[in-house]
Structure formats: C-alpha cells, structure tokens
Amino acid sequence: MTQATYVPNARTLPLGVAILAILIGIFGAILLVASVLLFLLLAAHIGFGATPFAYFGVSLLAAVLLLIFAVLLLVVASGLWHLEMWALVLSIIILGILWISDVVSGKLLTVGSLVLLALLVYLVLVRNHFR
C-alpha cells in the first residue's frame, strides 16, 4: 500500500519583487565595492603617512557605515528573493518612512514620491506570496 504525501505549493516569486531584490542587491554590491575601495585608500594613505587624523577618522567612519549598509542591503535583497516576511516588513517600513518624509517636505507629487508610493502599494498587494 502506498502512502500519500502532502507537498505544499511552491511559492512563486512575483516579477516586481524579483526586480526589486535584484536592484537592491546591485546597489548593495556597489556599496560593498565602494567601502572596500575606501578601506584600501585609507590603507594606502596610512602607508604614505599623509593622512591627518581628523580626515582618517571621518573616512574610516564612512567606510564602516558603507560596509554596514552594503551588508544590510544584500541581506534584505536575499530575504526578498527568498520571500521572507521579515524582508517584506522591513522594506515596507523603509519605503513608508521615505514616502512620509517626501510628504512632510512637500514633495508629494514628484516622480520619486510616486514611485515610492507605487512600490509601497505593490509590496502590500503581494504580501500573500511571502511566508
């Protein structure tokens, strides 16, 4: 006698989420490269002994922040690609904050604000695809 097994439906990745994940991943990779280049530039300047301490401290802080943002963006892109609910919630929160800041600053009908709003609405509409 054969036993029936239940196979859950595979979640499908919506095209818009895939595009958003790829774009976020590309931006995260660019920031990662920029942070590595900044670290290398700082190392070269230290080697030549030509970097004042104030410049070095600000540049080091910028390089560390770039690295942190790059890693966070790559993690969020991966979460969106794998339809993780935490990535969706984080994306909606960030888009909501950005859109509200546009509204407060009086940029309600700019292209950027409308794109943010469209992305926000789209992510809310496709929330059932996430686990």
N, C-alpha and C. Protein backbone atom coordinates (compact mmCIF):
# COMPACT_ATOMS: atom_id res chain seq x y z
N MET A 1 0.84 -1.17 0.00
CA MET A 1 0.00 0.00 0.00
C MET A 1 0.89 1.25 0.00
N THR A 2 0.61 2.14 -0.90
CA THR A 2 1.41 3.37 -0.98
C THR A 2 0.79 4.43 -0.08
N GLN A 3 1.67 5.24 0.46
CA GLN A 3 1.21 6.29 1.36
C GLN A 3 1.26 7.63 0.64
N ALA A 4 0.20 8.39 0.73
CA ALA A 4 0.15 9.71 0.09
C ALA A 4 0.92 10.71 0.94
N THR A 5 1.67 11.52 0.26
CA THR A 5 2.40 12.57 0.97
C THR A 5 1.90 13.92 0.49
N TYR A 6 1.91 14.86 1.40
CA TYR A 6 1.47 16.22 1.08
C TYR A 6 2.69 17.04 0.69
N VAL A 7 2.60 17.65 -0.48
CA VAL A 7 3.65 18.55 -0.94
C VAL A 7 3.05 19.94 -1.03
N PRO A 8 3.53 20.88 -0.18
CA PRO A 8 2.94 22.23 -0.23
C PRO A 8 3.26 22.91 -1.56
N ASN A 9 2.37 23.81 -1.95
CA ASN A 9 2.59 24.56 -3.18
C ASN A 9 3.85 25.41 -3.05
N ALA A 10 4.65 25.37 -4.07
CA ALA A 10 5.84 26.21 -4.07
C ALA A 10 5.40 27.66 -4.25
N ARG A 11 5.97 28.52 -3.46
CA ARG A 11 5.65 29.94 -3.58
C ARG A 11 6.32 30.49 -4.83
N THR A 12 5.57 31.28 -5.55
CA THR A 12 6.13 31.88 -6.76
C THR A 12 6.63 33.27 -6.45
N LEU A 13 7.74 33.62 -7.04
CA LEU A 13 8.36 34.93 -6.84
C LEU A 13 7.72 35.91 -7.82
N PRO A 14 6.99 36.90 -7.30
CA PRO A 14 6.41 37.90 -8.21
C PRO A 14 7.51 38.66 -8.95
N LEU A 15 7.24 39.02 -10.19
CA LEU A 15 8.23 39.69 -11.02
C LEU A 15 8.72 40.99 -10.39
N GLY A 16 7.81 41.78 -9.85
CA GLY A 16 8.20 43.05 -9.24
C GLY A 16 9.11 42.86 -8.04
N VAL A 17 8.85 41.83 -7.24
CA VAL A 17 9.70 41.54 -6.09
C VAL A 17 11.07 41.08 -6.56
N ALA A 18 11.09 40.29 -7.62
CA ALA A 18 12.37 39.83 -8.16
C ALA A 18 13.20 41.02 -8.66
N ILE A 19 12.56 41.92 -9.38
CA ILE A 19 13.26 43.10 -9.89
C ILE A 19 13.76 43.96 -8.74
N LEU A 20 12.92 44.16 -7.72
CA LEU A 20 13.31 44.95 -6.56
C LEU A 20 14.47 44.30 -5.82
N ALA A 21 14.43 42.99 -5.66
CA ALA A 21 15.52 42.28 -4.98
C ALA A 21 16.82 42.42 -5.77
N ILE A 22 16.74 42.31 -7.08
CA ILE A 22 17.94 42.43 -7.91
C ILE A 22 18.51 43.84 -7.83
N LEU A 23 17.65 44.85 -7.91
CA LEU A 23 18.12 46.24 -7.84
C LEU A 23 18.73 46.56 -6.48
N ILE A 24 18.10 46.08 -5.41
CA ILE A 24 18.66 46.29 -4.07
C ILE A 24 19.99 45.56 -3.95
N GLY A 25 20.07 44.35 -4.51
CA GLY A 25 21.32 43.59 -4.47
C GLY A 25 22.44 44.28 -5.24
N ILE A 26 22.11 44.83 -6.40
CA ILE A 26 23.11 45.56 -7.19
C ILE A 26 23.60 46.78 -6.42
N PHE A 27 22.68 47.53 -5.82
CA PHE A 27 23.08 48.70 -5.06
C PHE A 27 23.92 48.30 -3.85
N GLY A 28 23.55 47.20 -3.19
CA GLY A 28 24.35 46.71 -2.07
C GLY A 28 25.74 46.30 -2.50
N ALA A 29 25.85 45.67 -3.67
CA ALA A 29 27.17 45.26 -4.18
C ALA A 29 28.01 46.49 -4.52
N ILE A 30 27.39 47.52 -5.09
CA ILE A 30 28.12 48.76 -5.40
C ILE A 30 28.64 49.39 -4.11
N LEU A 31 27.79 49.45 -3.08
CA LEU A 31 28.24 50.00 -1.80
C LEU A 31 29.35 49.15 -1.18
N LEU A 32 29.27 47.84 -1.35
CA LEU A 32 30.32 46.96 -0.83
C LEU A 32 31.65 47.24 -1.51
N VAL A 33 31.63 47.38 -2.82
CA VAL A 33 32.86 47.70 -3.57
C VAL A 33 33.38 49.07 -3.14
N ALA A 34 32.49 50.05 -2.98
CA ALA A 34 32.91 51.39 -2.57
C ALA A 34 33.54 51.36 -1.19
N SER A 35 32.98 50.58 -0.28
CA SER A 35 33.56 50.52 1.07
C SER A 35 34.93 49.85 1.05
N VAL A 36 35.07 48.79 0.26
CA VAL A 36 36.38 48.13 0.16
C VAL A 36 37.41 49.07 -0.46
N LEU A 37 37.01 49.81 -1.50
CA LEU A 37 37.92 50.78 -2.11
C LEU A 37 38.32 51.87 -1.13
N LEU A 38 37.37 52.32 -0.32
CA LEU A 38 37.68 53.35 0.67
C LEU A 38 38.63 52.81 1.74
N PHE A 39 38.43 51.56 2.17
CA PHE A 39 39.36 50.95 3.11
C PHE A 39 40.76 50.85 2.50
N LEU A 40 40.84 50.45 1.23
CA LEU A 40 42.14 50.36 0.56
C LEU A 40 42.80 51.73 0.42
N LEU A 41 42.00 52.74 0.11
CA LEU A 41 42.52 54.10 0.00
C LEU A 41 43.06 54.57 1.35
N LEU A 42 42.35 54.28 2.40
CA LEU A 42 42.82 54.65 3.74
C LEU A 42 44.12 53.92 4.08
N ALA A 43 44.19 52.65 3.73
CA ALA A 43 45.41 51.88 3.99
C ALA A 43 46.58 52.46 3.21
N ALA A 44 46.33 52.88 1.98
CA ALA A 44 47.40 53.48 1.17
C ALA A 44 47.86 54.80 1.77
N HIS A 45 46.93 55.59 2.25
CA HIS A 45 47.28 56.88 2.85
C HIS A 45 48.06 56.70 4.14
N ILE A 46 47.70 55.68 4.91
CA ILE A 46 48.45 55.41 6.14
C ILE A 46 49.86 54.98 5.78
N GLY A 47 49.98 54.19 4.72
CA GLY A 47 51.30 53.74 4.29
C GLY A 47 52.21 54.89 3.89
N PHE A 48 51.62 55.93 3.31
CA PHE A 48 52.42 57.08 2.91
C PHE A 48 52.55 58.10 4.04
N GLY A 49 51.81 57.92 5.12
CA GLY A 49 51.87 58.82 6.25
C GLY A 49 51.34 60.21 5.96
N ALA A 50 50.45 60.33 4.99
CA ALA A 50 49.99 61.65 4.56
C ALA A 50 48.56 61.95 5.00
N THR A 51 48.00 61.17 5.92
CA THR A 51 46.61 61.36 6.30
C THR A 51 46.52 62.01 7.67
N PRO A 52 45.96 63.22 7.75
CA PRO A 52 45.71 63.80 9.07
C PRO A 52 44.70 62.96 9.83
N PHE A 53 44.79 62.97 11.16
CA PHE A 53 43.94 62.11 11.98
C PHE A 53 42.44 62.40 11.78
N ALA A 54 42.06 63.67 11.70
CA ALA A 54 40.63 64.01 11.53
C ALA A 54 40.09 63.44 10.22
N TYR A 55 40.86 63.58 9.16
CA TYR A 55 40.45 63.04 7.86
C TYR A 55 40.35 61.53 7.94
N PHE A 56 41.30 60.90 8.59
CA PHE A 56 41.31 59.45 8.71
C PHE A 56 40.09 58.96 9.49
N GLY A 57 39.76 59.64 10.60
CA GLY A 57 38.63 59.22 11.42
C GLY A 57 37.31 59.32 10.68
N VAL A 58 37.10 60.41 9.97
CA VAL A 58 35.86 60.59 9.21
C VAL A 58 35.79 59.58 8.07
N SER A 59 36.90 59.36 7.40
CA SER A 59 36.93 58.41 6.28
C SER A 59 36.72 56.99 6.77
N LEU A 60 37.30 56.66 7.90
CA LEU A 60 37.11 55.32 8.46
C LEU A 60 35.66 55.11 8.85
N LEU A 61 35.04 56.12 9.45
CA LEU A 61 33.62 56.03 9.81
C LEU A 61 32.77 55.85 8.55
N ALA A 62 33.07 56.60 7.51
CA ALA A 62 32.32 56.48 6.25
C ALA A 62 32.48 55.08 5.67
N ALA A 63 33.70 54.54 5.70
CA ALA A 63 33.93 53.21 5.16
C ALA A 63 33.18 52.15 5.95
N VAL A 64 33.16 52.28 7.27
CA VAL A 64 32.45 51.31 8.11
C VAL A 64 30.94 51.40 7.87
N LEU A 65 30.41 52.62 7.80
CA LEU A 65 28.98 52.79 7.54
C LEU A 65 28.60 52.25 6.16
N LEU A 66 29.42 52.50 5.16
CA LEU A 66 29.16 51.94 3.83
C LEU A 66 29.14 50.43 3.87
N LEU A 67 30.07 49.84 4.59
CA LEU A 67 30.13 48.39 4.71
C LEU A 67 28.88 47.84 5.40
N ILE A 68 28.45 48.49 6.48
CA ILE A 68 27.25 48.05 7.20
C ILE A 68 26.02 48.15 6.31
N PHE A 69 25.85 49.29 5.63
CA PHE A 69 24.69 49.45 4.74
C PHE A 69 24.73 48.44 3.60
N ALA A 70 25.92 48.17 3.08
CA ALA A 70 26.05 47.21 1.97
C ALA A 70 25.60 45.83 2.42
N VAL A 71 26.07 45.40 3.57
CA VAL A 71 25.70 44.07 4.07
C VAL A 71 24.20 44.01 4.35
N LEU A 72 23.65 45.06 4.97
CA LEU A 72 22.21 45.07 5.24
C LEU A 72 21.40 45.00 3.95
N LEU A 73 21.81 45.77 2.94
CA LEU A 73 21.08 45.74 1.67
C LEU A 73 21.17 44.36 1.00
N LEU A 74 22.33 43.74 1.06
CA LEU A 74 22.47 42.40 0.47
C LEU A 74 21.62 41.37 1.22
N VAL A 75 21.54 41.51 2.54
CA VAL A 75 20.70 40.59 3.33
C VAL A 75 19.22 40.80 3.00
N VAL A 76 18.79 42.06 2.90
CA VAL A 76 17.39 42.35 2.56
C VAL A 76 17.07 41.85 1.15
N ALA A 77 17.99 42.05 0.21
CA ALA A 77 17.77 41.56 -1.16
C ALA A 77 17.61 40.05 -1.17
N SER A 78 18.44 39.37 -0.40
CA SER A 78 18.33 37.91 -0.31
C SER A 78 17.01 37.50 0.33
N GLY A 79 16.60 38.23 1.37
CA GLY A 79 15.32 37.93 2.02
C GLY A 79 14.14 38.14 1.10
N LEU A 80 14.17 39.22 0.31
CA LEU A 80 13.09 39.44 -0.66
C LEU A 80 13.09 38.34 -1.71
N TRP A 81 14.25 37.96 -2.18
CA TRP A 81 14.34 36.92 -3.21
C TRP A 81 13.77 35.60 -2.71
N HIS A 82 14.00 35.31 -1.42
CA HIS A 82 13.52 34.06 -0.84
C HIS A 82 12.14 34.22 -0.17
N LEU A 83 11.49 35.36 -0.43
CA LEU A 83 10.13 35.62 0.04
C LEU A 83 9.99 35.51 1.56
N GLU A 84 10.96 36.06 2.26
CA GLU A 84 10.92 36.07 3.72
C GLU A 84 10.06 37.24 4.20
N MET A 85 9.18 36.98 5.16
CA MET A 85 8.27 38.01 5.65
C MET A 85 9.01 39.17 6.31
N TRP A 86 10.10 38.89 7.02
CA TRP A 86 10.84 39.98 7.68
C TRP A 86 11.39 40.96 6.66
N ALA A 87 11.81 40.47 5.49
CA ALA A 87 12.33 41.36 4.45
C ALA A 87 11.21 42.22 3.88
N LEU A 88 10.04 41.64 3.72
CA LEU A 88 8.89 42.40 3.24
C LEU A 88 8.51 43.49 4.24
N VAL A 89 8.43 43.14 5.51
CA VAL A 89 8.07 44.12 6.54
C VAL A 89 9.11 45.23 6.60
N LEU A 90 10.38 44.88 6.58
CA LEU A 90 11.44 45.88 6.62
C LEU A 90 11.38 46.80 5.40
N SER A 91 11.13 46.25 4.24
CA SER A 91 11.02 47.04 3.01
C SER A 91 9.83 47.99 3.07
N ILE A 92 8.71 47.50 3.57
CA ILE A 92 7.52 48.35 3.69
C ILE A 92 7.76 49.48 4.69
N ILE A 93 8.41 49.18 5.80
CA ILE A 93 8.70 50.22 6.79
C ILE A 93 9.62 51.29 6.20
N ILE A 94 10.67 50.87 5.53
CA ILE A 94 11.63 51.82 4.95
C ILE A 94 10.96 52.66 3.86
N LEU A 95 10.20 52.01 2.98
CA LEU A 95 9.50 52.76 1.93
C LEU A 95 8.48 53.73 2.53
N GLY A 96 7.80 53.29 3.59
CA GLY A 96 6.84 54.16 4.25
C GLY A 96 7.51 55.38 4.87
N ILE A 97 8.64 55.18 5.51
CA ILE A 97 9.38 56.30 6.11
C ILE A 97 9.84 57.27 5.02
N LEU A 98 10.37 56.72 3.93
CA LEU A 98 10.84 57.58 2.84
C LEU A 98 9.68 58.37 2.22
N TRP A 99 8.53 57.71 2.04
CA TRP A 99 7.39 58.39 1.44
C TRP A 99 6.85 59.48 2.37
N ILE A 100 6.76 59.17 3.67
CA ILE A 100 6.30 60.16 4.64
C ILE A 100 7.25 61.36 4.67
N SER A 101 8.55 61.11 4.58
CA SER A 101 9.50 62.24 4.57
C SER A 101 9.30 63.10 3.32
N ASP A 102 8.96 62.48 2.20
CA ASP A 102 8.65 63.25 0.99
C ASP A 102 7.40 64.10 1.18
N VAL A 103 6.38 63.51 1.79
CA VAL A 103 5.12 64.24 2.02
C VAL A 103 5.36 65.41 2.95
N VAL A 104 6.10 65.18 4.03
CA VAL A 104 6.36 66.24 5.01
C VAL A 104 7.18 67.37 4.38
N SER A 105 8.10 67.03 3.48
CA SER A 105 8.93 68.06 2.87
C SER A 105 8.25 68.72 1.67
N GLY A 106 7.00 68.35 1.39
CA GLY A 106 6.24 68.99 0.32
C GLY A 106 6.49 68.42 -1.06
N LYS A 107 7.08 67.25 -1.16
CA LYS A 107 7.36 66.63 -2.46
C LYS A 107 6.35 65.53 -2.78
N LEU A 108 5.09 65.79 -2.52
CA LEU A 108 4.06 64.76 -2.66
C LEU A 108 3.87 64.29 -4.09
N LEU A 109 3.93 65.19 -5.05
CA LEU A 109 3.64 64.81 -6.43
C LEU A 109 4.88 64.74 -7.31
N THR A 110 6.03 64.47 -6.73
CA THR A 110 7.23 64.28 -7.55
C THR A 110 7.27 62.83 -8.04
N VAL A 111 8.07 62.60 -9.04
CA VAL A 111 8.19 61.25 -9.60
C VAL A 111 8.72 60.29 -8.54
N GLY A 112 9.72 60.72 -7.79
CA GLY A 112 10.29 59.86 -6.76
C GLY A 112 9.28 59.47 -5.70
N SER A 113 8.47 60.42 -5.27
CA SER A 113 7.45 60.15 -4.26
C SER A 113 6.39 59.20 -4.80
N LEU A 114 6.00 59.38 -6.05
CA LEU A 114 5.00 58.50 -6.66
C LEU A 114 5.55 57.08 -6.85
N VAL A 115 6.83 56.97 -7.19
CA VAL A 115 7.45 55.64 -7.32
C VAL A 115 7.50 54.95 -5.95
N LEU A 116 7.87 55.69 -4.91
CA LEU A 116 7.87 55.13 -3.55
C LEU A 116 6.48 54.64 -3.17
N LEU A 117 5.47 55.43 -3.45
CA LEU A 117 4.10 55.05 -3.13
C LEU A 117 3.67 53.82 -3.92
N ALA A 118 4.03 53.77 -5.20
CA ALA A 118 3.68 52.61 -6.03
C ALA A 118 4.36 51.34 -5.50
N LEU A 119 5.63 51.45 -5.12
CA LEU A 119 6.34 50.29 -4.56
C LEU A 119 5.72 49.85 -3.24
N LEU A 120 5.34 50.81 -2.44
CA LEU A 120 4.71 50.51 -1.15
C LEU A 120 3.40 49.77 -1.35
N VAL A 121 2.56 50.27 -2.24
CA VAL A 121 1.28 49.63 -2.52
C VAL A 121 1.50 48.25 -3.13
N TYR A 122 2.45 48.14 -4.04
CA TYR A 122 2.73 46.84 -4.69
C TYR A 122 3.15 45.80 -3.66
N LEU A 123 4.06 46.18 -2.76
CA LEU A 123 4.53 45.21 -1.76
C LEU A 123 3.40 44.78 -0.83
N VAL A 124 2.50 45.70 -0.50
CA VAL A 124 1.36 45.32 0.32
C VAL A 124 0.45 44.36 -0.44
N LEU A 125 0.27 44.58 -1.73
CA LEU A 125 -0.61 43.72 -2.54
C LEU A 125 -0.05 42.31 -2.72
N VAL A 126 1.27 42.15 -2.76
CA VAL A 126 1.86 40.82 -2.99
C VAL A 126 2.28 40.14 -1.69
N ARG A 127 1.81 40.64 -0.56
CA ARG A 127 2.23 40.11 0.74
C ARG A 127 1.86 38.64 0.93
N ASN A 128 0.84 38.15 0.22
CA ASN A 128 0.43 36.75 0.38
C ASN A 128 1.45 35.77 -0.20
N HIS A 129 2.38 36.25 -0.99
CA HIS A 129 3.41 35.37 -1.55
C HIS A 129 4.52 35.09 -0.54
N PHE A 130 4.59 35.88 0.51
CA PHE A 130 5.67 35.75 1.49
C PHE A 130 5.26 34.80 2.61
N ARG A 131 6.28 34.21 3.23
CA ARG A 131 5.99 33.30 4.35
C ARG A 131 6.47 33.88 5.63
